[in-house]
Structures are given as structure tokens and as C-alpha cells.
Amino acid sequence: MTDPYPENIVIDIDRERLRKFLHKRRLHTTLILTGFVGLLIGVCIINVELSRHVRPDEKTLAFVASRLGSSVVLLLALGFLAHARWGRRLTDREVDAWEVSVEGAFLRVRQYEGGWLDQKLHFRSIVDYAVLQDATMKQHGISSLQLSTTAGGFRSTLRIPAVKDCEKIRDMLIEVDRIREVS
């Protein structure tokens, strides 16, 4: 059977939509974590204050409540500033690093998630192709291509976010897999 596809095919990632999606997700995660830590610190302050008073009066309870609120607000502000300073840069680096291409009988995926990962998967090792889109991804107009491989462990599933024309690319990869699997 002849192969109608070129030897090398570059798969496009919708970087701008992916960037917006990851910025929003990272900001939400940062604010939830820092708010929770602020709440824990506030509870510790309350515990210390109440242990000093056998019978807390209204003034003590107002002081404790203000400390709880101020610790949560302070840590939320710190979380927002940390995201603005480092989260955006990290997200930009991660988005710009994504490269996906077909190279002969291999699918090459380059990404950055705290460290560089450059892997080549032989089409024989890919057993399933799926398109994923949760509610937040749908809101941002992106879909992810999920590949299941024969490898075991945590690297047995590979998710490629924000693939342009994801369903068409999935179908093309299935066809390329069928043709090139034997080579």
C-alpha cells in the first residue's frame, strides 16, 4: 500500500488559546492553595488567642476574626503576585515548548513541564487515540489529543493539549498508524 502522507508532518498547537487556558487554570490553583494556607494560619492564630483567654469576650472574638480574614486576604494577595511574577513566565515557557510531529514511523513530542521531555513513540506502541474536552477546555475552544501506549506506569498515557482540528488530526494519525505500523 502506498503512503499518501508526507514523511514528516507537523501538528499545530493553538498556542494562544492554550496560553489563556493554562494561565487561568494556574491562577485558580494558586489562589485556592494560598487561600487554604491562609485559612490554616488564621485557625492557628485563633487557637493561640483562645488558649490565652479562659472566657473569650466579644473583643477577643472580633480580634480573632479580623486576624483570620487578614491572613487569608494577605496570602491570596501573595498568591496573585506570585502568579503574576512566576506563573505567567512558566506558562509561557510551557506553551512555547510544545512541538508535535510525525517523523516516519514515529510520533515525536517535545514539551517542557519543569524539565525538557523529548520523546519519540513508534506507532506500534500507540494503542488508542482519543479527543478530550472538559467544560473549561470547551469554554476556551480547545481540545486535547490523548494517546494510550503499551508502556506501563505513569507515562502510559500522553495528553497533547490544544491541538488544532483535533478530531481531524486524530483520524489522520490513526490512518498514518495503520499505514506505517509495519515499518
N, C-alpha and C. Protein backbone atom coordinates (compact mmCIF):
# COMPACT_ATOMS: atom_id res chain seq x y z
N MET A 1 0.84 -1.18 0.00
CA MET A 1 0.00 0.00 0.00
C MET A 1 0.89 1.24 0.00
N THR A 2 0.55 2.19 -0.81
CA THR A 2 1.34 3.42 -0.87
C THR A 2 0.91 4.37 0.24
N ASP A 3 1.85 5.15 0.68
CA ASP A 3 1.62 6.10 1.77
C ASP A 3 1.34 7.48 1.19
N PRO A 4 0.10 7.98 1.28
CA PRO A 4 -0.24 9.28 0.68
C PRO A 4 0.24 10.47 1.53
N TYR A 5 0.75 10.20 2.72
CA TYR A 5 1.15 11.28 3.62
C TYR A 5 2.64 11.57 3.48
N PRO A 6 3.05 12.83 3.68
CA PRO A 6 4.49 13.14 3.64
C PRO A 6 5.22 12.43 4.77
N GLU A 7 6.51 12.26 4.61
CA GLU A 7 7.34 11.58 5.62
C GLU A 7 7.27 12.31 6.97
N ASN A 8 7.33 13.64 6.94
CA ASN A 8 7.29 14.45 8.17
C ASN A 8 6.05 15.35 8.13
N ILE A 9 5.29 15.31 9.21
CA ILE A 9 4.07 16.11 9.34
C ILE A 9 4.13 16.86 10.66
N VAL A 10 3.95 18.16 10.62
CA VAL A 10 3.92 18.97 11.84
C VAL A 10 2.47 19.13 12.27
N ILE A 11 2.22 18.87 13.54
CA ILE A 11 0.87 19.00 14.10
C ILE A 11 0.81 20.34 14.83
N ASP A 12 -0.18 21.16 14.45
CA ASP A 12 -0.29 22.51 15.00
C ASP A 12 -0.97 22.51 16.37
N ILE A 13 -0.41 23.34 17.26
CA ILE A 13 -0.96 23.58 18.59
C ILE A 13 -1.52 25.00 18.59
N ASP A 14 -2.72 25.19 19.11
CA ASP A 14 -3.30 26.53 19.23
C ASP A 14 -2.71 27.19 20.48
N ARG A 15 -1.57 27.82 20.31
CA ARG A 15 -0.80 28.34 21.44
C ARG A 15 -1.50 29.46 22.20
N GLU A 16 -2.17 30.35 21.50
CA GLU A 16 -2.80 31.48 22.19
C GLU A 16 -3.95 31.01 23.09
N ARG A 17 -4.77 30.12 22.59
CA ARG A 17 -5.87 29.59 23.42
C ARG A 17 -5.33 28.73 24.56
N LEU A 18 -4.29 27.96 24.27
CA LEU A 18 -3.67 27.14 25.32
C LEU A 18 -3.07 28.03 26.40
N ARG A 19 -2.43 29.12 25.99
CA ARG A 19 -1.83 30.06 26.95
C ARG A 19 -2.91 30.64 27.87
N LYS A 20 -4.03 31.08 27.32
CA LYS A 20 -5.13 31.64 28.13
C LYS A 20 -5.69 30.58 29.08
N PHE A 21 -5.87 29.38 28.56
CA PHE A 21 -6.41 28.28 29.37
C PHE A 21 -5.48 27.96 30.54
N LEU A 22 -4.18 27.82 30.27
CA LEU A 22 -3.23 27.46 31.33
C LEU A 22 -3.03 28.61 32.33
N HIS A 23 -3.04 29.86 31.85
CA HIS A 23 -2.95 30.99 32.78
C HIS A 23 -4.11 30.96 33.77
N LYS A 24 -5.31 30.76 33.25
CA LYS A 24 -6.50 30.76 34.11
C LYS A 24 -6.46 29.59 35.09
N ARG A 25 -6.11 28.41 34.59
CA ARG A 25 -6.07 27.23 35.47
C ARG A 25 -5.00 27.37 36.54
N ARG A 26 -3.82 27.87 36.16
CA ARG A 26 -2.73 28.05 37.12
C ARG A 26 -3.09 29.12 38.16
N LEU A 27 -3.74 30.21 37.74
CA LEU A 27 -4.15 31.25 38.68
C LEU A 27 -5.17 30.70 39.67
N HIS A 28 -6.15 29.96 39.20
CA HIS A 28 -7.15 29.37 40.10
C HIS A 28 -6.50 28.42 41.11
N THR A 29 -5.60 27.59 40.64
CA THR A 29 -4.91 26.65 41.53
C THR A 29 -4.09 27.39 42.58
N THR A 30 -3.37 28.42 42.15
CA THR A 30 -2.55 29.20 43.08
C THR A 30 -3.42 29.87 44.14
N LEU A 31 -4.52 30.47 43.72
CA LEU A 31 -5.38 31.17 44.68
C LEU A 31 -6.06 30.21 45.64
N ILE A 32 -6.45 29.05 45.16
CA ILE A 32 -7.07 28.06 46.06
C ILE A 32 -6.06 27.59 47.10
N LEU A 33 -4.85 27.28 46.67
CA LEU A 33 -3.83 26.79 47.61
C LEU A 33 -3.42 27.86 48.62
N THR A 34 -3.18 29.08 48.14
CA THR A 34 -2.76 30.14 49.08
C THR A 34 -3.91 30.54 50.00
N GLY A 35 -5.14 30.53 49.51
CA GLY A 35 -6.29 30.81 50.37
C GLY A 35 -6.43 29.75 51.46
N PHE A 36 -6.22 28.49 51.11
CA PHE A 36 -6.29 27.42 52.09
C PHE A 36 -5.19 27.55 53.14
N VAL A 37 -3.98 27.88 52.70
CA VAL A 37 -2.88 28.08 53.65
C VAL A 37 -3.19 29.26 54.57
N GLY A 38 -3.75 30.33 54.00
CA GLY A 38 -4.14 31.48 54.82
C GLY A 38 -5.18 31.11 55.84
N LEU A 39 -6.12 30.26 55.45
CA LEU A 39 -7.15 29.79 56.39
C LEU A 39 -6.51 28.98 57.51
N LEU A 40 -5.56 28.11 57.18
CA LEU A 40 -4.88 27.31 58.22
C LEU A 40 -4.09 28.20 59.17
N ILE A 41 -3.41 29.21 58.64
CA ILE A 41 -2.66 30.13 59.50
C ILE A 41 -3.63 30.89 60.39
N GLY A 42 -4.75 31.31 59.83
CA GLY A 42 -5.76 32.01 60.63
C GLY A 42 -6.30 31.14 61.75
N VAL A 43 -6.54 29.87 61.48
CA VAL A 43 -7.02 28.95 62.52
C VAL A 43 -5.97 28.78 63.61
N CYS A 44 -4.70 28.74 63.23
CA CYS A 44 -3.63 28.66 64.23
C CYS A 44 -3.61 29.91 65.11
N ILE A 45 -3.81 31.07 64.49
CA ILE A 45 -3.87 32.32 65.27
C ILE A 45 -5.04 32.29 66.23
N ILE A 46 -6.19 31.82 65.77
CA ILE A 46 -7.37 31.72 66.63
C ILE A 46 -7.08 30.78 67.80
N ASN A 47 -6.46 29.65 67.52
CA ASN A 47 -6.14 28.69 68.57
C ASN A 47 -5.24 29.31 69.63
N VAL A 48 -4.22 30.05 69.20
CA VAL A 48 -3.31 30.70 70.15
C VAL A 48 -4.06 31.75 70.96
N GLU A 49 -4.88 32.56 70.31
CA GLU A 49 -5.61 33.62 71.01
C GLU A 49 -6.61 33.04 72.01
N LEU A 50 -7.32 32.01 71.61
CA LEU A 50 -8.32 31.43 72.52
C LEU A 50 -7.67 30.68 73.68
N SER A 51 -6.47 30.17 73.47
CA SER A 51 -5.80 29.47 74.57
C SER A 51 -5.33 30.45 75.64
N ARG A 52 -5.19 31.72 75.31
CA ARG A 52 -4.78 32.75 76.28
C ARG A 52 -5.94 33.20 77.16
N HIS A 53 -7.16 33.06 76.68
CA HIS A 53 -8.33 33.54 77.41
C HIS A 53 -9.21 32.36 77.79
N VAL A 54 -9.51 32.31 79.09
CA VAL A 54 -10.38 31.25 79.57
C VAL A 54 -11.79 31.47 79.04
N ARG A 55 -12.26 32.71 79.10
CA ARG A 55 -13.59 33.05 78.61
C ARG A 55 -13.43 34.18 77.60
N PRO A 56 -13.41 33.85 76.33
CA PRO A 56 -13.23 34.91 75.35
C PRO A 56 -14.43 35.87 75.33
N ASP A 57 -14.14 37.15 75.29
CA ASP A 57 -15.20 38.13 75.21
C ASP A 57 -15.41 38.56 73.75
N GLU A 58 -16.33 39.48 73.51
CA GLU A 58 -16.64 39.91 72.15
C GLU A 58 -15.43 40.57 71.48
N LYS A 59 -14.66 41.31 72.27
CA LYS A 59 -13.49 42.00 71.72
C LYS A 59 -12.45 40.98 71.22
N THR A 60 -12.25 39.93 71.98
CA THR A 60 -11.30 38.90 71.60
C THR A 60 -11.77 38.18 70.34
N LEU A 61 -13.06 37.86 70.26
CA LEU A 61 -13.59 37.18 69.09
C LEU A 61 -13.50 38.06 67.84
N ALA A 62 -13.73 39.36 67.98
CA ALA A 62 -13.59 40.27 66.85
C ALA A 62 -12.13 40.34 66.39
N PHE A 63 -11.21 40.35 67.34
CA PHE A 63 -9.79 40.37 67.01
C PHE A 63 -9.40 39.10 66.27
N VAL A 64 -9.88 37.97 66.77
CA VAL A 64 -9.56 36.67 66.15
C VAL A 64 -10.13 36.61 64.73
N ALA A 65 -11.36 37.08 64.56
CA ALA A 65 -11.98 37.06 63.23
C ALA A 65 -11.22 37.97 62.27
N SER A 66 -10.78 39.11 62.76
CA SER A 66 -10.03 40.01 61.87
C SER A 66 -8.68 39.40 61.49
N ARG A 67 -8.05 38.69 62.42
CA ARG A 67 -6.78 38.02 62.10
C ARG A 67 -6.99 36.91 61.08
N LEU A 68 -8.07 36.18 61.22
CA LEU A 68 -8.37 35.11 60.26
C LEU A 68 -8.57 35.69 58.87
N GLY A 69 -9.40 36.71 58.78
CA GLY A 69 -9.66 37.34 57.49
C GLY A 69 -8.42 37.96 56.88
N SER A 70 -7.62 38.63 57.71
CA SER A 70 -6.44 39.29 57.17
C SER A 70 -5.39 38.28 56.71
N SER A 71 -5.28 37.14 57.39
CA SER A 71 -4.30 36.13 56.94
C SER A 71 -4.72 35.53 55.60
N VAL A 72 -6.02 35.29 55.42
CA VAL A 72 -6.50 34.75 54.15
C VAL A 72 -6.29 35.77 53.03
N VAL A 73 -6.67 37.02 53.27
CA VAL A 73 -6.51 38.05 52.23
C VAL A 73 -5.04 38.27 51.90
N LEU A 74 -4.18 38.30 52.92
CA LEU A 74 -2.75 38.51 52.69
C LEU A 74 -2.16 37.40 51.82
N LEU A 75 -2.49 36.16 52.15
CA LEU A 75 -1.93 35.05 51.36
C LEU A 75 -2.55 34.96 49.96
N LEU A 76 -3.82 35.36 49.82
CA LEU A 76 -4.39 35.42 48.48
C LEU A 76 -3.67 36.47 47.63
N ALA A 77 -3.38 37.61 48.23
CA ALA A 77 -2.63 38.65 47.51
C ALA A 77 -1.23 38.16 47.15
N LEU A 78 -0.57 37.48 48.07
CA LEU A 78 0.75 36.93 47.76
C LEU A 78 0.68 35.89 46.65
N GLY A 79 -0.36 35.08 46.67
CA GLY A 79 -0.55 34.08 45.61
C GLY A 79 -0.76 34.74 44.26
N PHE A 80 -1.56 35.80 44.23
CA PHE A 80 -1.79 36.52 42.98
C PHE A 80 -0.49 37.14 42.47
N LEU A 81 0.28 37.75 43.35
CA LEU A 81 1.56 38.35 42.95
C LEU A 81 2.55 37.29 42.47
N ALA A 82 2.58 36.15 43.16
CA ALA A 82 3.48 35.07 42.73
C ALA A 82 3.09 34.56 41.35
N HIS A 83 1.79 34.45 41.10
CA HIS A 83 1.35 34.02 39.78
C HIS A 83 1.73 35.05 38.72
N ALA A 84 1.53 36.32 39.04
CA ALA A 84 1.86 37.37 38.08
C ALA A 84 3.36 37.39 37.78
N ARG A 85 4.17 37.09 38.78
CA ARG A 85 5.62 37.16 38.61
C ARG A 85 6.19 35.89 37.95
N TRP A 86 5.82 34.73 38.48
CA TRP A 86 6.43 33.47 38.01
C TRP A 86 5.49 32.57 37.22
N GLY A 87 4.21 32.57 37.56
CA GLY A 87 3.27 31.67 36.90
C GLY A 87 3.12 31.95 35.42
N ARG A 88 3.03 33.21 35.06
CA ARG A 88 2.89 33.56 33.64
C ARG A 88 4.12 33.16 32.85
N ARG A 89 5.29 33.41 33.42
CA ARG A 89 6.53 33.05 32.72
C ARG A 89 6.63 31.54 32.52
N LEU A 90 6.29 30.79 33.57
CA LEU A 90 6.33 29.34 33.47
C LEU A 90 5.32 28.83 32.44
N THR A 91 4.13 29.40 32.43
CA THR A 91 3.12 29.00 31.46
C THR A 91 3.57 29.32 30.04
N ASP A 92 4.13 30.51 29.84
CA ASP A 92 4.62 30.88 28.51
C ASP A 92 5.70 29.92 28.02
N ARG A 93 6.61 29.55 28.91
CA ARG A 93 7.67 28.61 28.54
C ARG A 93 7.08 27.26 28.18
N GLU A 94 6.12 26.81 28.97
CA GLU A 94 5.50 25.51 28.72
C GLU A 94 4.75 25.49 27.39
N VAL A 95 4.00 26.56 27.10
CA VAL A 95 3.22 26.63 25.86
C VAL A 95 4.14 26.71 24.65
N ASP A 96 5.17 27.53 24.72
CA ASP A 96 6.07 27.71 23.58
C ASP A 96 6.90 26.46 23.29
N ALA A 97 7.07 25.59 24.26
CA ALA A 97 7.91 24.40 24.08
C ALA A 97 7.20 23.26 23.34
N TRP A 98 5.87 23.27 23.32
CA TRP A 98 5.15 22.14 22.70
C TRP A 98 5.46 22.04 21.21
N GLU A 99 5.94 20.88 20.81
CA GLU A 99 6.15 20.56 19.40
C GLU A 99 5.71 19.11 19.19
N VAL A 100 4.86 18.89 18.23
CA VAL A 100 4.38 17.55 17.92
C VAL A 100 4.52 17.35 16.42
N SER A 101 5.12 16.22 16.05
CA SER A 101 5.28 15.95 14.62
C SER A 101 5.34 14.44 14.38
N VAL A 102 5.00 14.08 13.15
CA VAL A 102 5.15 12.70 12.69
C VAL A 102 6.45 12.66 11.91
N GLU A 103 7.34 11.74 12.30
CA GLU A 103 8.62 11.57 11.62
C GLU A 103 8.74 10.11 11.21
N GLY A 104 8.32 9.83 10.01
CA GLY A 104 8.33 8.45 9.52
C GLY A 104 7.35 7.60 10.31
N ALA A 105 7.87 6.54 10.94
CA ALA A 105 7.02 5.65 11.73
C ALA A 105 6.94 6.06 13.19
N PHE A 106 7.37 7.28 13.50
CA PHE A 106 7.42 7.75 14.88
C PHE A 106 6.59 9.03 15.06
N LEU A 107 6.03 9.17 16.24
CA LEU A 107 5.39 10.42 16.65
C LEU A 107 6.34 11.07 17.64
N ARG A 108 6.81 12.28 17.32
CA ARG A 108 7.75 12.98 18.20
C ARG A 108 7.00 14.05 18.97
N VAL A 109 7.21 14.06 20.29
CA VAL A 109 6.57 15.04 21.17
C VAL A 109 7.65 15.69 22.03
N ARG A 110 7.73 17.01 21.92
CA ARG A 110 8.65 17.80 22.76
C ARG A 110 7.80 18.70 23.64
N GLN A 111 8.13 18.72 24.93
CA GLN A 111 7.38 19.55 25.86
C GLN A 111 8.26 19.95 27.03
N TYR A 112 7.80 20.95 27.76
CA TYR A 112 8.52 21.41 28.95
C TYR A 112 7.52 21.47 30.10
N GLU A 113 7.77 20.71 31.14
CA GLU A 113 6.96 20.74 32.36
C GLU A 113 7.92 20.66 33.53
N GLY A 114 8.64 21.75 33.78
CA GLY A 114 9.64 21.77 34.83
C GLY A 114 10.97 21.19 34.35
N GLY A 115 10.97 20.55 33.23
CA GLY A 115 12.15 19.98 32.60
C GLY A 115 11.77 19.58 31.18
N TRP A 116 12.76 19.47 30.34
CA TRP A 116 12.51 19.13 28.94
C TRP A 116 12.23 17.65 28.78
N LEU A 117 11.24 17.35 27.98
CA LEU A 117 10.93 15.97 27.61
C LEU A 117 10.82 15.91 26.09
N ASP A 118 11.65 15.10 25.49
CA ASP A 118 11.64 14.90 24.04
C ASP A 118 11.51 13.40 23.83
N GLN A 119 10.35 12.97 23.37
CA GLN A 119 10.16 11.54 23.20
C GLN A 119 9.67 11.22 21.80
N LYS A 120 10.09 10.04 21.35
CA LYS A 120 9.64 9.52 20.07
C LYS A 120 8.90 8.21 20.35
N LEU A 121 7.66 8.17 19.91
CA LEU A 121 6.85 6.98 20.09
C LEU A 121 6.67 6.30 18.73
N HIS A 122 7.01 5.03 18.68
CA HIS A 122 6.75 4.28 17.46
C HIS A 122 5.25 4.03 17.39
N PHE A 123 4.71 4.11 16.19
CA PHE A 123 3.27 3.92 16.06
C PHE A 123 2.81 2.55 16.55
N ARG A 124 3.72 1.57 16.57
CA ARG A 124 3.35 0.25 17.12
C ARG A 124 3.00 0.33 18.59
N SER A 125 3.60 1.30 19.31
CA SER A 125 3.37 1.37 20.76
C SER A 125 2.12 2.17 21.12
N ILE A 126 1.51 2.85 20.16
CA ILE A 126 0.29 3.62 20.44
C ILE A 126 -0.91 2.72 20.17
N VAL A 127 -1.74 2.52 21.20
CA VAL A 127 -2.85 1.59 21.07
C VAL A 127 -4.21 2.28 21.02
N ASP A 128 -4.28 3.55 21.43
CA ASP A 128 -5.57 4.22 21.46
C ASP A 128 -5.38 5.72 21.25
N TYR A 129 -6.29 6.30 20.48
CA TYR A 129 -6.30 7.74 20.21
C TYR A 129 -7.65 8.27 20.68
N ALA A 130 -7.65 9.34 21.48
CA ALA A 130 -8.91 9.90 21.96
C ALA A 130 -8.83 11.42 21.95
N VAL A 131 -9.99 12.05 21.79
CA VAL A 131 -10.10 13.50 21.88
C VAL A 131 -10.81 13.83 23.18
N LEU A 132 -10.21 14.70 23.96
CA LEU A 132 -10.78 15.09 25.26
C LEU A 132 -11.12 16.57 25.26
N GLN A 133 -12.26 16.91 25.91
CA GLN A 133 -12.62 18.31 26.07
C GLN A 133 -13.54 18.41 27.28
N ASP A 134 -13.00 18.97 28.38
CA ASP A 134 -13.84 19.19 29.54
C ASP A 134 -14.52 20.55 29.43
N ALA A 135 -15.30 20.93 30.43
CA ALA A 135 -16.08 22.17 30.36
C ALA A 135 -15.19 23.40 30.23
N THR A 136 -14.08 23.44 30.97
CA THR A 136 -13.18 24.60 30.91
C THR A 136 -12.49 24.66 29.56
N MET A 137 -12.09 23.52 29.04
CA MET A 137 -11.45 23.49 27.72
C MET A 137 -12.45 23.94 26.65
N LYS A 138 -13.69 23.51 26.77
CA LYS A 138 -14.71 23.91 25.81
C LYS A 138 -14.92 25.42 25.85
N GLN A 139 -14.88 25.98 27.05
CA GLN A 139 -15.03 27.43 27.22
C GLN A 139 -13.91 28.18 26.49
N HIS A 140 -12.71 27.60 26.46
CA HIS A 140 -11.57 28.23 25.80
C HIS A 140 -11.42 27.79 24.34
N GLY A 141 -12.28 26.89 23.88
CA GLY A 141 -12.25 26.46 22.48
C GLY A 141 -11.09 25.55 22.12
N ILE A 142 -10.65 24.71 23.08
CA ILE A 142 -9.54 23.80 22.79
C ILE A 142 -9.95 22.36 23.11
N SER A 143 -9.24 21.44 22.51
CA SER A 143 -9.39 20.01 22.78
C SER A 143 -8.01 19.41 22.93
N SER A 144 -7.93 18.29 23.64
CA SER A 144 -6.66 17.60 23.81
C SER A 144 -6.72 16.25 23.11
N LEU A 145 -5.58 15.87 22.58
CA LEU A 145 -5.43 14.55 21.97
C LEU A 145 -4.76 13.66 23.00
N GLN A 146 -5.41 12.56 23.36
CA GLN A 146 -4.85 11.65 24.34
C GLN A 146 -4.46 10.35 23.65
N LEU A 147 -3.21 9.95 23.87
CA LEU A 147 -2.68 8.73 23.28
C LEU A 147 -2.37 7.75 24.39
N SER A 148 -2.87 6.54 24.27
CA SER A 148 -2.53 5.48 25.22
C SER A 148 -1.50 4.58 24.56
N THR A 149 -0.47 4.24 25.32
CA THR A 149 0.61 3.43 24.77
C THR A 149 0.70 2.09 25.49
N THR A 150 1.53 1.22 24.95
CA THR A 150 1.72 -0.10 25.56
C THR A 150 2.63 -0.03 26.78
N ALA A 151 3.27 1.12 27.00
CA ALA A 151 4.17 1.27 28.16
C ALA A 151 3.35 1.21 29.45
N GLY A 152 3.98 0.79 30.51
CA GLY A 152 3.31 0.76 31.79
C GLY A 152 3.64 2.00 32.60
N GLY A 153 2.99 2.16 33.71
CA GLY A 153 3.32 3.25 34.62
C GLY A 153 2.67 4.56 34.24
N PHE A 154 3.19 5.64 34.83
CA PHE A 154 2.56 6.94 34.66
C PHE A 154 2.78 7.54 33.28
N ARG A 155 3.68 7.02 32.50
CA ARG A 155 3.93 7.54 31.16
C ARG A 155 3.16 6.75 30.09
N SER A 156 2.20 5.93 30.49
CA SER A 156 1.48 5.13 29.51
C SER A 156 0.42 5.94 28.76
N THR A 157 0.07 7.11 29.28
CA THR A 157 -0.89 7.98 28.61
C THR A 157 -0.22 9.32 28.35
N LEU A 158 -0.34 9.79 27.14
CA LEU A 158 0.24 11.07 26.74
C LEU A 158 -0.90 11.98 26.31
N ARG A 159 -0.97 13.17 26.89
CA ARG A 159 -2.00 14.13 26.53
C ARG A 159 -1.36 15.33 25.86
N ILE A 160 -1.81 15.64 24.66
CA ILE A 160 -1.30 16.78 23.90
C ILE A 160 -2.41 17.82 23.86
N PRO A 161 -2.21 18.95 24.55
CA PRO A 161 -3.29 19.93 24.66
C PRO A 161 -3.40 20.85 23.44
N ALA A 162 -4.61 21.36 23.23
CA ALA A 162 -4.91 22.42 22.26
C ALA A 162 -4.45 22.10 20.84
N VAL A 163 -4.69 20.88 20.39
CA VAL A 163 -4.36 20.51 19.02
C VAL A 163 -5.42 21.14 18.10
N LYS A 164 -4.96 21.88 17.10
CA LYS A 164 -5.88 22.48 16.14
C LYS A 164 -6.53 21.38 15.32
N ASP A 165 -7.83 21.48 15.09
CA ASP A 165 -8.60 20.46 14.35
C ASP A 165 -8.33 19.08 14.94
N CYS A 166 -8.55 18.96 16.22
CA CYS A 166 -8.14 17.77 16.97
C CYS A 166 -8.74 16.47 16.41
N GLU A 167 -10.02 16.47 16.10
CA GLU A 167 -10.64 15.24 15.61
C GLU A 167 -10.07 14.84 14.25
N LYS A 168 -9.82 15.81 13.40
CA LYS A 168 -9.24 15.53 12.09
C LYS A 168 -7.81 15.00 12.24
N ILE A 169 -7.06 15.59 13.15
CA ILE A 169 -5.68 15.13 13.40
C ILE A 169 -5.70 13.72 13.97
N ARG A 170 -6.63 13.45 14.90
CA ARG A 170 -6.74 12.09 15.45
C ARG A 170 -6.98 11.08 14.35
N ASP A 171 -7.92 11.38 13.46
CA ASP A 171 -8.24 10.46 12.37
C ASP A 171 -7.06 10.29 11.42
N MET A 172 -6.32 11.39 11.17
CA MET A 172 -5.14 11.31 10.30
C MET A 172 -4.07 10.44 10.95
N LEU A 173 -3.85 10.61 12.26
CA LEU A 173 -2.85 9.81 12.96
C LEU A 173 -3.22 8.32 12.97
N ILE A 174 -4.49 8.04 13.10
CA ILE A 174 -4.94 6.64 13.04
C ILE A 174 -4.61 6.05 11.67
N GLU A 175 -4.86 6.82 10.62
CA GLU A 175 -4.57 6.36 9.27
C GLU A 175 -3.07 6.20 9.05
N VAL A 176 -2.27 7.17 9.52
CA VAL A 176 -0.81 7.07 9.40
C VAL A 176 -0.32 5.86 10.20
N ASP A 177 -0.88 5.66 11.37
CA ASP A 177 -0.53 4.50 12.20
C ASP A 177 -0.80 3.21 11.45
N ARG A 178 -1.97 3.11 10.84
CA ARG A 178 -2.34 1.90 10.11
C ARG A 178 -1.36 1.63 8.97
N ILE A 179 -0.96 2.68 8.26
CA ILE A 179 -0.07 2.53 7.11
C ILE A 179 1.38 2.24 7.54
N ARG A 180 1.86 2.98 8.56
CA ARG A 180 3.28 2.94 8.90
C ARG A 180 3.61 1.98 10.05
N GLU A 181 2.62 1.35 10.62
CA GLU A 181 2.86 0.47 11.76
C GLU A 181 3.80 -0.66 11.43
N VAL A 182 3.78 -1.13 10.26
CA VAL A 182 4.60 -2.28 9.87
C VAL A 182 6.04 -1.91 9.58
N SER A 183 6.33 -0.61 9.38
CA SER A 183 7.70 -0.23 9.02
C SER A 183 8.58 -0.05 10.23
